[in-house]
Amino acid sequence: MPVVPPKLRPGSSVRVIAPSRSLAIIPADVRAEADKKLAALGLQVSFGEHAGECGDFVSSSVGARLADLHAAFADPDVGGILTVIGGFNANQLLAGLDYPLIATHPKVLCGFSDITALSNAIYARTGLVGYSGPHYSSFGMKHHFGYTEAGFVACLMRDGPVELASAPAWSDDPWYLDQEDRHLATGTDWWVLQEGEAAGAIVGGNLCTLQTAMTRDLLAQIVAPKADLAGLPVIGNVDFGHTTPAVTFPIGGTVEVRADRSAPRLTITGH
């Protein structure tokens, strides 16, 4: 059975750690905005001892990153863990993760991109549900963050089912370069590639093999010949990952999928 960690509540302490790229690359204005948004949610922010170290791969050593992650899980005053940002090397930590320690102190771990390598590994070895959702740095977005923040709150700070809906507009722009000059595009409806209904556990996250050169027609071509997907609902273009805005979803949680071309529905039922 999946282990759902305790929800974050107003007053909860959140530890920010850098399992991938370093806090050192986050500009001061982005950090200030992130601190303001998290404080408005009633969350108290602290930082891992090594979060700001910056060496090879724009991060700290494997040992330092593991030390911060393990310290965050072990600290009884820490209610949840946010990652600074993603990158390319969080998978360096997998061999050194203290799974018994993590299992003994279940708590929220939230981040996306390569951070989902950690969440999936922890779920596979301990049953602990992790969350593909905004990083600490994501909260530094001054505009167009409402949908993302609402999804974070619904999944990590509230109980009950979460009904997902497509975002009204989206962008994959480098928002941190000029926060006042941003242009979002419309046309974010989900793609129902195969109709049907199903319910089950959520796994996955950052699937780089499908990340580039992707269109609706190409995705349909990939899905269509798969006999093991026959009769199963398939929905694409859902708002998560490296776009703005993005939903938060539980890795190891449960979801109900209704892939109806007239009214597709995704409901997170266990988070």
C-alpha atoms as a PDB file:
ATOM      1  CA  MET A   1       0.000   0.000   0.000  1.00  0.00           C
ATOM      2  CA  PRO A   2       1.264   3.519  -0.739  1.00  0.00           C
ATOM      3  CA  VAL A   3       2.346   5.637   2.213  1.00  0.00           C
ATOM      4  CA  VAL A   4       0.848   9.132   1.968  1.00  0.00           C
ATOM      5  CA  PRO A   5       2.891  11.635   3.987  1.00  0.00           C
ATOM      6  CA  PRO A   6       1.215  14.111   6.344  1.00  0.00           C
ATOM      7  CA  LYS A   7      -0.106  17.215   4.602  1.00  0.00           C
ATOM      8  CA  LEU A   8       1.594  20.556   4.889  1.00  0.00           C
ATOM      9  CA  ARG A   9      -0.449  23.008   6.942  1.00  0.00           C
ATOM     10  CA  PRO A  10      -0.108  26.696   7.762  1.00  0.00           C
ATOM     11  CA  GLY A  11       2.760  26.780  10.229  1.00  0.00           C
ATOM     12  CA  SER A  12       4.560  23.789   8.690  1.00  0.00           C
ATOM     13  CA  SER A  13       8.308  24.058   8.242  1.00  0.00           C
ATOM     14  CA  VAL A  14       9.594  23.373   4.729  1.00  0.00           C
ATOM     15  CA  ARG A  15      13.251  22.526   4.112  1.00  0.00           C
ATOM     16  CA  VAL A  16      14.703  23.595   0.767  1.00  0.00           C
ATOM     17  CA  ILE A  17      17.433  21.288  -0.548  1.00  0.00           C
ATOM     18  CA  ALA A  18      19.382  21.056  -3.810  1.00  0.00           C
ATOM     19  CA  PRO A  19      19.567  17.418  -4.987  1.00  0.00           C
ATOM     20  CA  SER A  20      20.400  18.666  -8.475  1.00  0.00           C
ATOM     21  CA  ARG A  21      21.483  22.223  -9.338  1.00  0.00           C
ATOM     22  CA  SER A  22      22.507  24.649  -6.630  1.00  0.00           C
ATOM     23  CA  LEU A  23      20.653  27.429  -4.856  1.00  0.00           C
ATOM     24  CA  ALA A  24      23.577  29.622  -5.913  1.00  0.00           C
ATOM     25  CA  ILE A  25      22.154  29.977  -9.437  1.00  0.00           C
ATOM     26  CA  ILE A  26      18.809  31.370  -8.239  1.00  0.00           C
ATOM     27  CA  PRO A  27      18.760  35.203  -8.466  1.00  0.00           C
ATOM     28  CA  ALA A  28      18.046  37.184  -5.321  1.00  0.00           C
ATOM     29  CA  ASP A  29      14.791  38.625  -6.680  1.00  0.00           C
ATOM     30  CA  VAL A  30      13.478  35.144  -7.520  1.00  0.00           C
ATOM     31  CA  ARG A  31      14.348  33.940  -4.028  1.00  0.00           C
ATOM     32  CA  ALA A  32      12.632  36.947  -2.470  1.00  0.00           C
ATOM     33  CA  GLU A  33       9.456  36.295  -4.463  1.00  0.00           C
ATOM     34  CA  ALA A  34       9.519  32.597  -3.564  1.00  0.00           C
ATOM     35  CA  ASP A  35       9.961  33.384   0.122  1.00  0.00           C
ATOM     36  CA  LYS A  36       7.041  35.836  -0.037  1.00  0.00           C
ATOM     37  CA  LYS A  37       4.687  33.377  -1.739  1.00  0.00           C
ATOM     38  CA  LEU A  38       5.537  30.516   0.615  1.00  0.00           C
ATOM     39  CA  ALA A  39       5.134  32.773   3.656  1.00  0.00           C
ATOM     40  CA  ALA A  40       1.693  33.797   2.353  1.00  0.00           C
ATOM     41  CA  LEU A  41       0.750  30.107   2.426  1.00  0.00           C
ATOM     42  CA  GLY A  42       1.823  30.001   6.063  1.00  0.00           C
ATOM     43  CA  LEU A  43       4.920  27.886   5.371  1.00  0.00           C
ATOM     44  CA  GLN A  44       8.171  28.482   7.224  1.00  0.00           C
ATOM     45  CA  VAL A  45      11.221  28.046   4.984  1.00  0.00           C
ATOM     46  CA  SER A  46      14.674  26.809   5.968  1.00  0.00           C
ATOM     47  CA  PHE A  47      17.590  25.744   3.782  1.00  0.00           C
ATOM     48  CA  GLY A  48      19.833  22.703   3.705  1.00  0.00           C
ATOM     49  CA  GLU A  49      23.383  23.253   4.937  1.00  0.00           C
ATOM     50  CA  HIS A  50      24.874  22.572   1.499  1.00  0.00           C
ATOM     51  CA  ALA A  51      22.087  23.970  -0.685  1.00  0.00           C
ATOM     52  CA  GLY A  52      24.173  26.935  -1.828  1.00  0.00           C
ATOM     53  CA  GLU A  53      27.385  25.049  -2.599  1.00  0.00           C
ATOM     54  CA  CYS A  54      28.273  25.046  -6.277  1.00  0.00           C
ATOM     55  CA  GLY A  55      30.893  22.874  -7.966  1.00  0.00           C
ATOM     56  CA  ASP A  56      30.823  20.311 -10.758  1.00  0.00           C
ATOM     57  CA  PHE A  57      27.530  20.154 -12.687  1.00  0.00           C
ATOM     58  CA  VAL A  58      26.516  23.417 -10.949  1.00  0.00           C
ATOM     59  CA  SER A  59      25.794  21.521  -7.732  1.00  0.00           C
ATOM     60  CA  SER A  60      27.483  20.300  -4.584  1.00  0.00           C
ATOM     61  CA  SER A  61      29.094  16.901  -4.098  1.00  0.00           C
ATOM     62  CA  VAL A  62      26.999  13.740  -3.988  1.00  0.00           C
ATOM     63  CA  GLY A  63      27.815  13.358  -0.303  1.00  0.00           C
ATOM     64  CA  ALA A  64      26.722  16.905   0.505  1.00  0.00           C
ATOM     65  CA  ARG A  65      23.441  16.534  -1.392  1.00  0.00           C
ATOM     66  CA  LEU A  66      22.684  13.229   0.312  1.00  0.00           C
ATOM     67  CA  ALA A  67      23.503  14.732   3.704  1.00  0.00           C
ATOM     68  CA  ASP A  68      20.978  17.544   3.176  1.00  0.00           C
ATOM     69  CA  LEU A  69      18.280  15.167   1.946  1.00  0.00           C
ATOM     70  CA  HIS A  70      18.754  12.748   4.837  1.00  0.00           C
ATOM     71  CA  ALA A  71      18.914  15.584   7.380  1.00  0.00           C
ATOM     72  CA  ALA A  72      15.623  16.962   6.075  1.00  0.00           C
ATOM     73  CA  PHE A  73      13.879  13.599   6.417  1.00  0.00           C
ATOM     74  CA  ALA A  74      15.374  12.956   9.854  1.00  0.00           C
ATOM     75  CA  ASP A  75      14.592  16.385  11.350  1.00  0.00           C
ATOM     76  CA  PRO A  76      11.316  16.116  13.326  1.00  0.00           C
ATOM     77  CA  ASP A  77      10.734  19.864  12.910  1.00  0.00           C
ATOM     78  CA  VAL A  78      10.662  19.612   9.103  1.00  0.00           C
ATOM     79  CA  GLY A  79       7.182  18.987   7.717  1.00  0.00           C
ATOM     80  CA  GLY A  80       8.082  18.813   4.046  1.00  0.00           C
ATOM     81  CA  ILE A  81      10.890  19.172   1.524  1.00  0.00           C
ATOM     82  CA  LEU A  82      11.070  21.396  -1.555  1.00  0.00           C
ATOM     83  CA  THR A  83      13.828  21.099  -4.127  1.00  0.00           C
ATOM     84  CA  VAL A  84      15.590  24.237  -5.324  1.00  0.00           C
ATOM     85  CA  ILE A  85      15.406  23.406  -9.022  1.00  0.00           C
ATOM     86  CA  GLY A  86      15.957  20.489 -11.371  1.00  0.00           C
ATOM     87  CA  GLY A  87      18.932  19.703 -13.569  1.00  0.00           C
ATOM     88  CA  PHE A  88      20.628  16.585 -14.872  1.00  0.00           C
ATOM     89  CA  ASN A  89      22.264  14.753 -11.991  1.00  0.00           C
ATOM     90  CA  ALA A  90      19.766  13.974  -9.212  1.00  0.00           C
ATOM     91  CA  ASN A  91      20.134  10.328 -10.249  1.00  0.00           C
ATOM     92  CA  GLN A  92      23.650  10.415  -8.760  1.00  0.00           C
ATOM     93  CA  LEU A  93      21.979  10.161  -5.343  1.00  0.00           C
ATOM     94  CA  LEU A  94      20.031   6.953  -5.970  1.00  0.00           C
ATOM     95  CA  ALA A  95      22.763   4.533  -4.885  1.00  0.00           C
ATOM     96  CA  GLY A  96      23.303   6.373  -1.614  1.00  0.00           C
ATOM     97  CA  LEU A  97      19.721   6.961  -0.488  1.00  0.00           C
ATOM     98  CA  ASP A  98      18.992   5.738   3.042  1.00  0.00           C
ATOM     99  CA  TYR A  99      15.639   4.121   2.286  1.00  0.00           C
ATOM    100  CA  PRO A 100      15.038   2.839   5.853  1.00  0.00           C
ATOM    101  CA  LEU A 101      15.561   6.376   7.202  1.00  0.00           C
ATOM    102  CA  ILE A 102      13.167   7.823   4.625  1.00  0.00           C
ATOM    103  CA  ALA A 103      10.565   5.143   5.319  1.00  0.00           C
ATOM    104  CA  THR A 104      10.777   5.816   9.049  1.00  0.00           C
ATOM    105  CA  HIS A 105      10.181   9.554   8.602  1.00  0.00           C
ATOM    106  CA  PRO A 106       7.653   9.909   5.758  1.00  0.00           C
ATOM    107  CA  LYS A 107       7.155  13.464   4.597  1.00  0.00           C
ATOM    108  CA  VAL A 108       6.366  15.489   1.494  1.00  0.00           C
ATOM    109  CA  LEU A 109       9.082  15.703  -1.174  1.00  0.00           C
ATOM    110  CA  CYS A 110       8.114  18.024  -4.035  1.00  0.00           C
ATOM    111  CA  GLY A 111       9.911  18.966  -7.252  1.00  0.00           C
ATOM    112  CA  PHE A 112       9.852  18.148 -10.954  1.00  0.00           C
ATOM    113  CA  SER A 113      12.259  17.589 -13.836  1.00  0.00           C
ATOM    114  CA  ASP A 114      15.048  15.169 -12.837  1.00  0.00           C
ATOM    115  CA  ILE A 115      13.855  15.296  -9.212  1.00  0.00           C
ATOM    116  CA  THR A 116      11.214  12.748 -10.233  1.00  0.00           C
ATOM    117  CA  ALA A 117      14.032  10.178 -10.431  1.00  0.00           C
ATOM    118  CA  LEU A 118      14.247  10.468  -6.639  1.00  0.00           C
ATOM    119  CA  SER A 119      10.489  10.408  -6.119  1.00  0.00           C
ATOM    120  CA  ASN A 120      10.026   7.282  -8.237  1.00  0.00           C
ATOM    121  CA  ALA A 121      12.941   5.483  -6.589  1.00  0.00           C
ATOM    122  CA  ILE A 122      11.696   6.335  -3.102  1.00  0.00           C
ATOM    123  CA  TYR A 123       8.193   5.197  -3.991  1.00  0.00           C
ATOM    124  CA  ALA A 124       9.512   1.940  -5.478  1.00  0.00           C
ATOM    125  CA  ARG A 125      11.645   1.113  -2.430  1.00  0.00           C
ATOM    126  CA  THR A 126       9.517   2.466   0.443  1.00  0.00           C
ATOM    127  CA  GLY A 127       6.002   3.030  -0.879  1.00  0.00           C
ATOM    128  CA  LEU A 128       6.236   6.701   0.088  1.00  0.00           C
ATOM    129  CA  VAL A 129       4.233   8.953  -2.225  1.00  0.00           C
ATOM    130  CA  GLY A 130       6.276  11.840  -3.676  1.00  0.00           C
ATOM    131  CA  TYR A 131       5.079  14.831  -5.661  1.00  0.00           C
ATOM    132  CA  SER A 132       5.826  16.131  -9.122  1.00  0.00           C
ATOM    133  CA  GLY A 133       5.185  19.801  -8.515  1.00  0.00           C
ATOM    134  CA  PRO A 134       6.802  23.224  -8.307  1.00  0.00           C
ATOM    135  CA  HIS A 135      10.329  23.730  -7.062  1.00  0.00           C
ATOM    136  CA  TYR A 136      11.235  26.383  -4.522  1.00  0.00           C
ATOM    137  CA  SER A 137      12.483  28.469  -7.457  1.00  0.00           C
ATOM    138  CA  SER A 138       9.135  28.054  -9.236  1.00  0.00           C
ATOM    139  CA  PHE A 139       7.517  30.111  -6.483  1.00  0.00           C
ATOM    140  CA  GLY A 140       9.765  32.960  -7.626  1.00  0.00           C
ATOM    141  CA  MET A 141       7.550  33.438 -10.694  1.00  0.00           C
ATOM    142  CA  LYS A 142       5.876  36.841 -10.326  1.00  0.00           C
ATOM    143  CA  HIS A 143       3.106  36.395 -12.895  1.00  0.00           C
ATOM    144  CA  HIS A 144       0.945  33.556 -14.225  1.00  0.00           C
ATOM    145  CA  PHE A 145       1.633  31.345 -11.207  1.00  0.00           C
ATOM    146  CA  GLY A 146      -1.911  31.065  -9.851  1.00  0.00           C
ATOM    147  CA  TYR A 147      -2.808  27.757 -11.537  1.00  0.00           C
ATOM    148  CA  THR A 148       0.444  26.148 -10.390  1.00  0.00           C
ATOM    149  CA  GLU A 149       0.093  27.412  -6.834  1.00  0.00           C
ATOM    150  CA  ALA A 150      -3.529  26.267  -6.619  1.00  0.00           C
ATOM    151  CA  GLY A 151      -2.497  22.759  -7.697  1.00  0.00           C
ATOM    152  CA  PHE A 152       0.283  22.683  -5.094  1.00  0.00           C
ATOM    153  CA  VAL A 153      -2.135  23.706  -2.339  1.00  0.00           C
ATOM    154  CA  ALA A 154      -4.830  21.254  -3.449  1.00  0.00           C
ATOM    155  CA  CYS A 155      -2.499  18.271  -3.534  1.00  0.00           C
ATOM    156  CA  LEU A 156      -0.087  19.011  -0.674  1.00  0.00           C
ATOM    157  CA  MET A 157      -2.085  21.112   1.771  1.00  0.00           C
ATOM    158  CA  ARG A 158      -5.658  19.842   1.495  1.00  0.00           C
ATOM    159  CA  ASP A 159      -7.514  16.554   1.748  1.00  0.00           C
ATOM    160  CA  GLY A 160     -10.044  15.125  -0.672  1.00  0.00           C
ATOM    161  CA  PRO A 161     -10.111  14.516  -4.427  1.00  0.00           C
ATOM    162  CA  VAL A 162      -8.430  16.982  -6.784  1.00  0.00           C
ATOM    163  CA  GLU A 163     -10.262  17.607 -10.045  1.00  0.00           C
ATOM    164  CA  LEU A 164      -7.772  18.670 -12.706  1.00  0.00           C
ATOM    165  CA  ALA A 165      -8.618  21.036 -15.527  1.00  0.00           C
ATOM    166  CA  SER A 166      -6.611  22.294 -18.480  1.00  0.00           C
ATOM    167  CA  ALA A 167      -4.899  25.644 -17.984  1.00  0.00           C
ATOM    168  CA  PRO A 168      -6.369  28.617 -19.852  1.00  0.00           C
ATOM    169  CA  ALA A 169      -2.974  29.551 -21.323  1.00  0.00           C
ATOM    170  CA  TRP A 170       0.595  28.254 -21.255  1.00  0.00           C
ATOM    171  CA  SER A 171       4.218  29.037 -21.977  1.00  0.00           C
ATOM    172  CA  ASP A 172       7.590  27.301 -21.949  1.00  0.00           C
ATOM    173  CA  ASP A 173       9.495  30.585 -21.999  1.00  0.00           C
ATOM    174  CA  PRO A 174      12.573  31.245 -19.814  1.00  0.00           C
ATOM    175  CA  TRP A 175      10.432  33.306 -17.459  1.00  0.00           C
ATOM    176  CA  TYR A 176      13.306  34.100 -15.086  1.00  0.00           C
ATOM    177  CA  LEU A 177      15.132  36.200 -17.723  1.00  0.00           C
ATOM    178  CA  ASP A 178      12.500  38.943 -17.921  1.00  0.00           C
ATOM    179  CA  GLN A 179       9.531  38.488 -15.624  1.00  0.00           C
ATOM    180  CA  GLU A 180       7.740  41.585 -16.939  1.00  0.00           C
ATOM    181  CA  ASP A 181       7.828  40.662 -20.638  1.00  0.00           C
ATOM    182  CA  ARG A 182       6.035  37.351 -20.973  1.00  0.00           C
ATOM    183  CA  HIS A 183       3.554  36.146 -23.562  1.00  0.00           C
ATOM    184  CA  LEU A 184       1.433  33.058 -22.934  1.00  0.00           C
ATOM    185  CA  ALA A 185      -0.277  31.104 -25.702  1.00  0.00           C
ATOM    186  CA  THR A 186      -3.825  29.780 -25.710  1.00  0.00           C
ATOM    187  CA  GLY A 187      -4.975  26.398 -26.978  1.00  0.00           C
ATOM    188  CA  THR A 188      -4.086  24.152 -24.052  1.00  0.00           C
ATOM    189  CA  ASP A 189      -6.910  21.635 -24.289  1.00  0.00           C
ATOM    190  CA  TRP A 190      -5.991  18.049 -23.494  1.00  0.00           C
ATOM    191  CA  TRP A 191      -5.597  15.559 -26.341  1.00  0.00           C
ATOM    192  CA  VAL A 192      -7.823  12.504 -26.024  1.00  0.00           C
ATOM    193  CA  LEU A 193      -5.867   9.951 -28.080  1.00  0.00           C
ATOM    194  CA  GLN A 194      -7.886   6.917 -26.960  1.00  0.00           C
ATOM    195  CA  GLU A 195     -11.232   7.009 -25.223  1.00  0.00           C
ATOM    196  CA  GLY A 196     -11.997   4.936 -22.142  1.00  0.00           C
ATOM    197  CA  GLU A 197     -12.006   4.958 -18.358  1.00  0.00           C
ATOM    198  CA  ALA A 198      -9.499   3.628 -15.840  1.00  0.00           C
ATOM    199  CA  ALA A 199      -8.230   4.122 -12.306  1.00  0.00           C
ATOM    200  CA  GLY A 200      -4.881   3.267 -10.807  1.00  0.00           C
ATOM    201  CA  ALA A 201      -1.560   4.385  -9.375  1.00  0.00           C
ATOM    202  CA  ILE A 202       0.350   7.301 -10.873  1.00  0.00           C
ATOM    203  CA  VAL A 203       4.003   6.794 -11.790  1.00  0.00           C
ATOM    204  CA  GLY A 204       6.292   8.662 -14.143  1.00  0.00           C
ATOM    205  CA  GLY A 205       7.389  12.252 -14.394  1.00  0.00           C
ATOM    206  CA  ASN A 206      10.232  13.512 -16.563  1.00  0.00           C
ATOM    207  CA  LEU A 207      10.176  11.311 -19.658  1.00  0.00           C
ATOM    208  CA  CYS A 208      12.945  12.924 -21.691  1.00  0.00           C
ATOM    209  CA  THR A 209      12.505  10.547 -24.619  1.00  0.00           C
ATOM    210  CA  LEU A 210       9.118  12.147 -25.315  1.00  0.00           C
ATOM    211  CA  GLN A 211      10.093  15.672 -24.357  1.00  0.00           C
ATOM    212  CA  THR A 212      11.250  17.117 -27.732  1.00  0.00           C
ATOM    213  CA  ALA A 213       9.919  17.141 -31.250  1.00  0.00           C
ATOM    214  CA  MET A 214       6.424  16.182 -30.012  1.00  0.00           C
ATOM    215  CA  THR A 215       3.127  16.954 -31.762  1.00  0.00           C
ATOM    216  CA  ARG A 216      -0.368  15.540 -31.346  1.00  0.00           C
ATOM    217  CA  ASP A 217      -0.048  13.550 -34.584  1.00  0.00           C
ATOM    218  CA  LEU A 218       3.328  12.105 -33.611  1.00  0.00           C
ATOM    219  CA  LEU A 219       2.121  11.118 -30.142  1.00  0.00           C
ATOM    220  CA  ALA A 220      -0.952   9.460 -31.666  1.00  0.00           C
ATOM    221  CA  GLN A 221       1.351   7.549 -34.037  1.00  0.00           C
ATOM    222  CA  ILE A 222       3.420   6.306 -31.073  1.00  0.00           C
ATOM    223  CA  VAL A 223       0.366   5.221 -29.073  1.00  0.00           C
ATOM    224  CA  ALA A 224      -1.712   3.646 -31.860  1.00  0.00           C
ATOM    225  CA  PRO A 225       0.297   0.457 -32.559  1.00  0.00           C
ATOM    226  CA  LYS A 226       0.694  -0.487 -28.890  1.00  0.00           C
ATOM    227  CA  ALA A 227      -1.468  -3.581 -28.394  1.00  0.00           C
ATOM    228  CA  ASP A 228      -1.085  -3.424 -24.626  1.00  0.00           C
ATOM    229  CA  LEU A 229      -2.787   0.002 -24.661  1.00  0.00           C
ATOM    230  CA  ALA A 230      -5.833  -1.239 -26.559  1.00  0.00           C
ATOM    231  CA  GLY A 231      -9.001  -0.160 -24.787  1.00  0.00           C
ATOM    232  CA  LEU A 232      -7.150   1.985 -22.261  1.00  0.00           C
ATOM    233  CA  PRO A 233      -7.682   5.739 -21.999  1.00  0.00           C
ATOM    234  CA  VAL A 234      -4.809   7.898 -23.230  1.00  0.00           C
ATOM    235  CA  ILE A 235      -4.750  11.670 -22.723  1.00  0.00           C
ATOM    236  CA  GLY A 236      -1.934  13.945 -23.856  1.00  0.00           C
ATOM    237  CA  ASN A 237      -1.019  17.630 -23.489  1.00  0.00           C
ATOM    238  CA  VAL A 238      -1.814  17.661 -19.769  1.00  0.00           C
ATOM    239  CA  ASP A 239      -0.283  20.625 -17.966  1.00  0.00           C
ATOM    240  CA  PHE A 240       2.739  19.340 -16.054  1.00  0.00           C
ATOM    241  CA  GLY A 241       6.502  19.350 -16.335  1.00  0.00           C
ATOM    242  CA  HIS A 242       8.540  22.008 -18.106  1.00  0.00           C
ATOM    243  CA  THR A 243       5.707  24.408 -18.902  1.00  0.00           C
ATOM    244  CA  THR A 244       3.893  27.253 -17.176  1.00  0.00           C
ATOM    245  CA  PRO A 245       1.559  26.624 -15.470  1.00  0.00           C
ATOM    246  CA  ALA A 246       1.725  23.042 -14.216  1.00  0.00           C
ATOM    247  CA  VAL A 247      -0.304  20.716 -12.028  1.00  0.00           C
ATOM    248  CA  THR A 248       1.030  18.922  -8.976  1.00  0.00           C
ATOM    249  CA  PHE A 249       0.463  15.176  -8.925  1.00  0.00           C
ATOM    250  CA  PRO A 250       1.382  12.396  -6.492  1.00  0.00           C
ATOM    251  CA  ILE A 251       3.888   9.796  -7.668  1.00  0.00           C
ATOM    252  CA  GLY A 252       2.445   6.659  -6.126  1.00  0.00           C
ATOM    253  CA  GLY A 253      -0.940   8.277  -5.569  1.00  0.00           C
ATOM    254  CA  THR A 254      -4.125   7.284  -7.379  1.00  0.00           C
ATOM    255  CA  VAL A 255      -6.064   8.838 -10.230  1.00  0.00           C
ATOM    256  CA  GLU A 256      -9.301   8.266 -12.115  1.00  0.00           C
ATOM    257  CA  VAL A 257      -9.141   8.880 -15.869  1.00  0.00           C
ATOM    258  CA  ARG A 258     -12.146   9.491 -18.078  1.00  0.00           C
ATOM    259  CA  ALA A 259     -10.960   9.978 -21.638  1.00  0.00           C
ATOM    260  CA  ASP A 260     -14.094  11.245 -23.321  1.00  0.00           C
ATOM    261  CA  ARG A 261     -13.481  13.544 -26.290  1.00  0.00           C
ATOM    262  CA  SER A 262     -16.431  15.707 -25.306  1.00  0.00           C
ATOM    263  CA  ALA A 263     -15.458  16.034 -21.642  1.00  0.00           C
ATOM    264  CA  PRO A 264     -12.128  14.456 -20.561  1.00  0.00           C
ATOM    265  CA  ARG A 265     -11.629  14.256 -16.811  1.00  0.00           C
ATOM    266  CA  LEU A 266      -8.687  13.541 -14.519  1.00  0.00           C
ATOM    267  CA  THR A 267      -9.363  13.237 -10.796  1.00  0.00           C
ATOM    268  CA  ILE A 268      -6.605  12.628  -8.248  1.00  0.00           C
ATOM    269  CA  THR A 269      -8.278  10.475  -5.627  1.00  0.00           C
ATOM    270  CA  GLY A 270      -5.331   9.499  -3.422  1.00  0.00           C
ATOM    271  CA  HIS A 271      -2.637  12.010  -2.547  1.00  0.00           C
END
